Amino acid sequence: DTLTQALGLTDKHIHYFNDSAVGIHHLMLLDYQRLVNDAAKADIEITIASGFRSFERQHLIWNNKFTGKTPIKDANDNVVDITRLTELEIVKAILLFSALPGASRHHWGCDIDVYAPNLLGNNTLQLEPWEYANSGPMAKLFSWLKINAGSYGFYFPYDMYRGGVAAEPWHLSYTPLAKEYQSSLTLDNLHNLL
């Protein structure tokens, strides 16, 4: 059901690409493929860096950041020294770029992080805002998506910082499905899960 999917507890709604672990909601597959095909005409190879994420995967990401196994970065791309923070401050620092398990839009399968490997050159993808800025390797991709993504049903849910999640110019959401999942995700549902 929609709530089980919204919380990342099932992947029955996910289409996995070939032998890859990357998957997206099966109902957005055609529009995603149209987006990819049309971007290719502009010499942009759209590729998914991260698609569907289960509750367990988001839980692992969260715990690795909370325990210091994975660095937490601030809005200026600096590593946060968690030894100087209270537990609540660590939680707030993580929430800038990572959702609580059960609250990630990636659980829905209709939210994807994208990049264009043909634009990277010799760089390694970091999924950081500077890469998508005017002088970054993903500037052409971001510019093309700002103009065209809406034609395929996609939008940027984190197009700017609004006091919660940092801007993520790589994060696309498929509007028809995202609205449905967002309305099913309530604080009570999340509280009961956690």
C-alpha atoms as a PDB file:
ATOM      1  CA  ASP A   1       0.000   0.000   0.000  1.00  0.00           C
ATOM      2  CA  THR A   2       0.981   3.653  -0.320  1.00  0.00           C
ATOM      3  CA  LEU A   3       2.019   4.075   3.327  1.00  0.00           C
ATOM      4  CA  THR A   4       4.266   0.985   3.296  1.00  0.00           C
ATOM      5  CA  GLN A   5       5.905   2.352   0.143  1.00  0.00           C
ATOM      6  CA  ALA A   6       6.175   5.882   1.581  1.00  0.00           C
ATOM      7  CA  LEU A   7       8.061   4.557   4.612  1.00  0.00           C
ATOM      8  CA  GLY A   8      10.489   2.495   2.534  1.00  0.00           C
ATOM      9  CA  LEU A   9       9.263  -0.852   3.839  1.00  0.00           C
ATOM     10  CA  THR A  10       8.749  -2.479   0.410  1.00  0.00           C
ATOM     11  CA  ASP A  11      10.187  -2.295  -3.091  1.00  0.00           C
ATOM     12  CA  LYS A  12       7.252  -3.897  -4.917  1.00  0.00           C
ATOM     13  CA  HIS A  13       6.641  -0.598  -6.740  1.00  0.00           C
ATOM     14  CA  ILE A  14      10.245  -0.371  -7.989  1.00  0.00           C
ATOM     15  CA  HIS A  15      11.643  -1.087 -11.455  1.00  0.00           C
ATOM     16  CA  TYR A  16      15.329  -2.046 -11.203  1.00  0.00           C
ATOM     17  CA  PHE A  17      17.618  -1.321 -14.142  1.00  0.00           C
ATOM     18  CA  ASN A  18      19.328  -4.440 -15.509  1.00  0.00           C
ATOM     19  CA  ASP A  19      21.611  -6.018 -12.902  1.00  0.00           C
ATOM     20  CA  SER A  20      22.005  -2.737 -11.061  1.00  0.00           C
ATOM     21  CA  ALA A  21      20.791  -1.892  -7.596  1.00  0.00           C
ATOM     22  CA  VAL A  22      19.382   1.382  -8.974  1.00  0.00           C
ATOM     23  CA  GLY A  23      15.612   1.439  -9.142  1.00  0.00           C
ATOM     24  CA  ILE A  24      12.766   3.874  -9.703  1.00  0.00           C
ATOM     25  CA  HIS A  25       8.990   3.730  -9.373  1.00  0.00           C
ATOM     26  CA  HIS A  26       7.609   1.741 -12.294  1.00  0.00           C
ATOM     27  CA  LEU A  27       4.928   4.379 -12.975  1.00  0.00           C
ATOM     28  CA  MET A  28       7.544   7.043 -13.794  1.00  0.00           C
ATOM     29  CA  LEU A  29       9.715   4.862 -16.008  1.00  0.00           C
ATOM     30  CA  LEU A  30       8.372   6.114 -19.367  1.00  0.00           C
ATOM     31  CA  ASP A  31       8.679   9.804 -18.465  1.00  0.00           C
ATOM     32  CA  TYR A  32      12.167   9.227 -17.054  1.00  0.00           C
ATOM     33  CA  GLN A  33      13.228   7.481 -20.268  1.00  0.00           C
ATOM     34  CA  ARG A  34      11.829  10.374 -22.334  1.00  0.00           C
ATOM     35  CA  LEU A  35      13.808  12.821 -20.167  1.00  0.00           C
ATOM     36  CA  VAL A  36      17.014  10.798 -20.652  1.00  0.00           C
ATOM     37  CA  ASN A  37      16.512  10.443 -24.416  1.00  0.00           C
ATOM     38  CA  ASP A  38      15.861  14.138 -24.954  1.00  0.00           C
ATOM     39  CA  ALA A  39      18.810  15.178 -22.768  1.00  0.00           C
ATOM     40  CA  ALA A  40      21.036  12.902 -24.870  1.00  0.00           C
ATOM     41  CA  LYS A  41      20.124  15.026 -27.918  1.00  0.00           C
ATOM     42  CA  ALA A  42      21.813  17.922 -26.044  1.00  0.00           C
ATOM     43  CA  ASP A  43      24.883  15.722 -25.319  1.00  0.00           C
ATOM     44  CA  ILE A  44      23.886  15.187 -21.681  1.00  0.00           C
ATOM     45  CA  GLU A  45      23.961  11.581 -20.425  1.00  0.00           C
ATOM     46  CA  ILE A  46      21.553  11.642 -17.494  1.00  0.00           C
ATOM     47  CA  THR A  47      22.360   8.861 -15.044  1.00  0.00           C
ATOM     48  CA  ILE A  48      20.868   8.065 -11.647  1.00  0.00           C
ATOM     49  CA  ALA A  49      23.340   8.311  -8.780  1.00  0.00           C
ATOM     50  CA  SER A  50      20.678   7.324  -6.259  1.00  0.00           C
ATOM     51  CA  GLY A  51      17.104   6.191  -6.787  1.00  0.00           C
ATOM     52  CA  PHE A  52      14.961   4.042  -4.520  1.00  0.00           C
ATOM     53  CA  ARG A  53      16.332   3.608  -1.011  1.00  0.00           C
ATOM     54  CA  SER A  54      14.818   1.191   1.483  1.00  0.00           C
ATOM     55  CA  PHE A  55      14.226   2.026   5.131  1.00  0.00           C
ATOM     56  CA  GLU A  56      17.170  -0.245   6.010  1.00  0.00           C
ATOM     57  CA  ARG A  57      19.526   1.568   3.614  1.00  0.00           C
ATOM     58  CA  GLN A  58      18.494   5.001   4.932  1.00  0.00           C
ATOM     59  CA  HIS A  59      18.923   3.687   8.476  1.00  0.00           C
ATOM     60  CA  LEU A  60      22.484   2.613   7.651  1.00  0.00           C
ATOM     61  CA  ILE A  61      23.282   6.026   6.111  1.00  0.00           C
ATOM     62  CA  TRP A  62      21.861   7.751   9.188  1.00  0.00           C
ATOM     63  CA  ASN A  63      23.710   5.568  11.694  1.00  0.00           C
ATOM     64  CA  ASN A  64      27.017   5.914   9.842  1.00  0.00           C
ATOM     65  CA  LYS A  65      26.733   9.685  10.050  1.00  0.00           C
ATOM     66  CA  PHE A  66      25.536   9.685  13.653  1.00  0.00           C
ATOM     67  CA  THR A  67      28.435   7.497  14.807  1.00  0.00           C
ATOM     68  CA  GLY A  68      31.060   9.358  12.775  1.00  0.00           C
ATOM     69  CA  LYS A  69      31.791   6.547  10.267  1.00  0.00           C
ATOM     70  CA  THR A  70      30.691   8.879   7.475  1.00  0.00           C
ATOM     71  CA  PRO A  71      31.471  12.596   7.675  1.00  0.00           C
ATOM     72  CA  ILE A  72      28.671  15.109   8.079  1.00  0.00           C
ATOM     73  CA  LYS A  73      29.096  18.285   6.047  1.00  0.00           C
ATOM     74  CA  ASP A  74      27.656  21.709   6.704  1.00  0.00           C
ATOM     75  CA  ALA A  75      26.127  24.045   4.112  1.00  0.00           C
ATOM     76  CA  ASN A  76      29.610  25.374   3.244  1.00  0.00           C
ATOM     77  CA  ASP A  77      30.980  21.882   2.491  1.00  0.00           C
ATOM     78  CA  ASN A  78      32.999  21.757   5.716  1.00  0.00           C
ATOM     79  CA  VAL A  79      33.174  18.546   7.748  1.00  0.00           C
ATOM     80  CA  VAL A  80      31.326  18.933  11.059  1.00  0.00           C
ATOM     81  CA  ASP A  81      33.237  17.938  14.214  1.00  0.00           C
ATOM     82  CA  ILE A  82      30.561  15.865  15.961  1.00  0.00           C
ATOM     83  CA  THR A  83      32.713  15.428  19.078  1.00  0.00           C
ATOM     84  CA  ARG A  84      31.797  19.022  19.941  1.00  0.00           C
ATOM     85  CA  LEU A  85      28.049  18.534  19.477  1.00  0.00           C
ATOM     86  CA  THR A  86      25.206  17.261  21.612  1.00  0.00           C
ATOM     87  CA  GLU A  87      23.120  14.380  20.239  1.00  0.00           C
ATOM     88  CA  LEU A  88      20.385  16.827  19.211  1.00  0.00           C
ATOM     89  CA  GLU A  89      22.932  19.023  17.402  1.00  0.00           C
ATOM     90  CA  ILE A  90      24.262  15.947  15.565  1.00  0.00           C
ATOM     91  CA  VAL A  91      20.704  15.097  14.477  1.00  0.00           C
ATOM     92  CA  LYS A  92      20.178  18.640  13.166  1.00  0.00           C
ATOM     93  CA  ALA A  93      23.516  18.537  11.320  1.00  0.00           C
ATOM     94  CA  ILE A  94      22.597  15.237   9.629  1.00  0.00           C
ATOM     95  CA  LEU A  95      19.147  16.504   8.650  1.00  0.00           C
ATOM     96  CA  LEU A  96      20.702  19.214   6.482  1.00  0.00           C
ATOM     97  CA  PHE A  97      21.483  16.602   3.788  1.00  0.00           C
ATOM     98  CA  SER A  98      20.019  13.273   5.007  1.00  0.00           C
ATOM     99  CA  ALA A  99      16.470  12.374   5.978  1.00  0.00           C
ATOM    100  CA  LEU A 100      15.432  10.270   8.930  1.00  0.00           C
ATOM    101  CA  PRO A 101      14.854   6.628   8.004  1.00  0.00           C
ATOM    102  CA  GLY A 102      11.184   6.414   7.050  1.00  0.00           C
ATOM    103  CA  ALA A 103      11.093  10.066   5.983  1.00  0.00           C
ATOM    104  CA  SER A 104      13.316   9.929   2.903  1.00  0.00           C
ATOM    105  CA  ARG A 105      11.733  10.892  -0.394  1.00  0.00           C
ATOM    106  CA  HIS A 106      13.966   8.202  -1.929  1.00  0.00           C
ATOM    107  CA  HIS A 107      11.749   5.566  -0.275  1.00  0.00           C
ATOM    108  CA  TRP A 108       9.032   6.519  -2.733  1.00  0.00           C
ATOM    109  CA  GLY A 109      11.041   5.563  -5.806  1.00  0.00           C
ATOM    110  CA  CYS A 110       9.917   8.735  -7.577  1.00  0.00           C
ATOM    111  CA  ASP A 111      12.795  10.854  -6.286  1.00  0.00           C
ATOM    112  CA  ILE A 112      16.203  10.500  -7.892  1.00  0.00           C
ATOM    113  CA  ASP A 113      19.642  12.067  -7.657  1.00  0.00           C
ATOM    114  CA  VAL A 114      21.016  12.595 -11.164  1.00  0.00           C
ATOM    115  CA  TYR A 115      24.292  13.486 -12.813  1.00  0.00           C
ATOM    116  CA  ALA A 116      25.874  13.267 -16.268  1.00  0.00           C
ATOM    117  CA  PRO A 117      29.021  11.110 -16.359  1.00  0.00           C
ATOM    118  CA  ASN A 118      30.002  12.538 -19.751  1.00  0.00           C
ATOM    119  CA  LEU A 119      30.299  15.995 -18.135  1.00  0.00           C
ATOM    120  CA  LEU A 120      32.479  14.856 -15.223  1.00  0.00           C
ATOM    121  CA  GLY A 121      35.744  14.669 -17.129  1.00  0.00           C
ATOM    122  CA  ASN A 122      38.403  13.286 -14.780  1.00  0.00           C
ATOM    123  CA  ASN A 123      36.446  14.365 -11.691  1.00  0.00           C
ATOM    124  CA  THR A 124      34.756  12.000  -9.241  1.00  0.00           C
ATOM    125  CA  LEU A 125      31.117  12.775  -8.484  1.00  0.00           C
ATOM    126  CA  GLN A 126      30.579  14.155  -4.973  1.00  0.00           C
ATOM    127  CA  LEU A 127      26.913  15.244  -5.227  1.00  0.00           C
ATOM    128  CA  GLU A 128      27.738  18.633  -3.779  1.00  0.00           C
ATOM    129  CA  PRO A 129      26.179  21.980  -4.772  1.00  0.00           C
ATOM    130  CA  TRP A 130      29.386  23.421  -6.278  1.00  0.00           C
ATOM    131  CA  GLU A 131      29.338  20.700  -8.964  1.00  0.00           C
ATOM    132  CA  TYR A 132      26.015  22.022 -10.288  1.00  0.00           C
ATOM    133  CA  ALA A 133      26.919  25.735 -10.017  1.00  0.00           C
ATOM    134  CA  ASN A 134      27.850  27.856 -13.048  1.00  0.00           C
ATOM    135  CA  SER A 135      31.510  26.784 -13.095  1.00  0.00           C
ATOM    136  CA  GLY A 136      30.926  23.183 -11.975  1.00  0.00           C
ATOM    137  CA  PRO A 137      31.058  20.111 -14.201  1.00  0.00           C
ATOM    138  CA  MET A 138      27.273  19.544 -13.909  1.00  0.00           C
ATOM    139  CA  ALA A 139      26.316  23.161 -14.796  1.00  0.00           C
ATOM    140  CA  LYS A 140      25.132  22.155 -18.302  1.00  0.00           C
ATOM    141  CA  LEU A 141      22.975  19.364 -16.850  1.00  0.00           C
ATOM    142  CA  PHE A 142      21.438  21.609 -14.191  1.00  0.00           C
ATOM    143  CA  SER A 143      20.746  24.367 -16.702  1.00  0.00           C
ATOM    144  CA  TRP A 144      19.064  21.910 -19.096  1.00  0.00           C
ATOM    145  CA  LEU A 145      16.977  20.391 -16.290  1.00  0.00           C
ATOM    146  CA  LYS A 146      15.803  23.794 -15.008  1.00  0.00           C
ATOM    147  CA  ILE A 147      14.377  24.503 -18.459  1.00  0.00           C
ATOM    148  CA  ASN A 148      13.104  21.022 -19.386  1.00  0.00           C
ATOM    149  CA  ALA A 149      12.409  18.819 -16.328  1.00  0.00           C
ATOM    150  CA  GLY A 150       8.867  20.121 -15.854  1.00  0.00           C
ATOM    151  CA  SER A 151       7.918  18.959 -19.360  1.00  0.00           C
ATOM    152  CA  TYR A 152       8.403  15.364 -18.196  1.00  0.00           C
ATOM    153  CA  GLY A 153       6.653  15.767 -14.831  1.00  0.00           C
ATOM    154  CA  PHE A 154       9.760  16.404 -12.712  1.00  0.00           C
ATOM    155  CA  TYR A 155      10.621  19.257 -10.356  1.00  0.00           C
ATOM    156  CA  PHE A 156      13.339  20.183  -7.848  1.00  0.00           C
ATOM    157  CA  PRO A 157      11.950  19.760  -4.303  1.00  0.00           C
ATOM    158  CA  TYR A 158      15.168  21.173  -2.851  1.00  0.00           C
ATOM    159  CA  ASP A 159      15.789  23.955  -5.344  1.00  0.00           C
ATOM    160  CA  MET A 160      16.832  26.259  -2.512  1.00  0.00           C
ATOM    161  CA  TYR A 161      17.442  26.222   1.230  1.00  0.00           C
ATOM    162  CA  ARG A 162      14.212  26.938   3.100  1.00  0.00           C
ATOM    163  CA  GLY A 163      15.456  26.366   6.635  1.00  0.00           C
ATOM    164  CA  GLY A 164      15.378  22.553   6.543  1.00  0.00           C
ATOM    165  CA  VAL A 165      17.132  20.551   3.856  1.00  0.00           C
ATOM    166  CA  ALA A 166      20.010  22.188   1.993  1.00  0.00           C
ATOM    167  CA  ALA A 167      19.694  22.938  -1.713  1.00  0.00           C
ATOM    168  CA  GLU A 168      20.194  19.778  -3.777  1.00  0.00           C
ATOM    169  CA  PRO A 169      20.366  20.669  -7.471  1.00  0.00           C
ATOM    170  CA  TRP A 170      20.807  16.976  -8.337  1.00  0.00           C
ATOM    171  CA  HIS A 171      17.531  15.862  -6.701  1.00  0.00           C
ATOM    172  CA  LEU A 172      14.509  15.453  -8.997  1.00  0.00           C
ATOM    173  CA  SER A 173      11.034  14.441  -7.950  1.00  0.00           C
ATOM    174  CA  TYR A 174       8.274  13.056 -10.156  1.00  0.00           C
ATOM    175  CA  THR A 175       5.308  15.295  -9.355  1.00  0.00           C
ATOM    176  CA  PRO A 176       2.312  12.965  -9.949  1.00  0.00           C
ATOM    177  CA  LEU A 177       3.611  10.337  -7.513  1.00  0.00           C
ATOM    178  CA  ALA A 178       5.415  12.602  -5.039  1.00  0.00           C
ATOM    179  CA  LYS A 179       2.215  14.470  -4.170  1.00  0.00           C
ATOM    180  CA  GLU A 180       0.490  11.193  -3.303  1.00  0.00           C
ATOM    181  CA  TYR A 181       3.343   9.934  -1.120  1.00  0.00           C
ATOM    182  CA  GLN A 182       3.865  13.256   0.589  1.00  0.00           C
ATOM    183  CA  SER A 183       0.229  13.372   1.683  1.00  0.00           C
ATOM    184  CA  SER A 184       0.459   9.870   3.194  1.00  0.00           C
ATOM    185  CA  LEU A 185       3.572  10.634   5.246  1.00  0.00           C
ATOM    186  CA  THR A 186       2.470  12.099   8.585  1.00  0.00           C
ATOM    187  CA  LEU A 187       4.327  12.665  11.840  1.00  0.00           C
ATOM    188  CA  ASP A 188       2.140  10.013  13.483  1.00  0.00           C
ATOM    189  CA  ASN A 189       3.044   7.451  10.820  1.00  0.00           C
ATOM    190  CA  LEU A 190       6.738   8.252  11.116  1.00  0.00           C
ATOM    191  CA  HIS A 191       6.619   8.235  14.924  1.00  0.00           C
ATOM    192  CA  ASN A 192       4.883   4.845  14.961  1.00  0.00           C
ATOM    193  CA  LEU A 193       7.509   3.416  12.592  1.00  0.00           C
ATOM    194  CA  LEU A 194      10.508   4.712  14.524  1.00  0.00           C
END
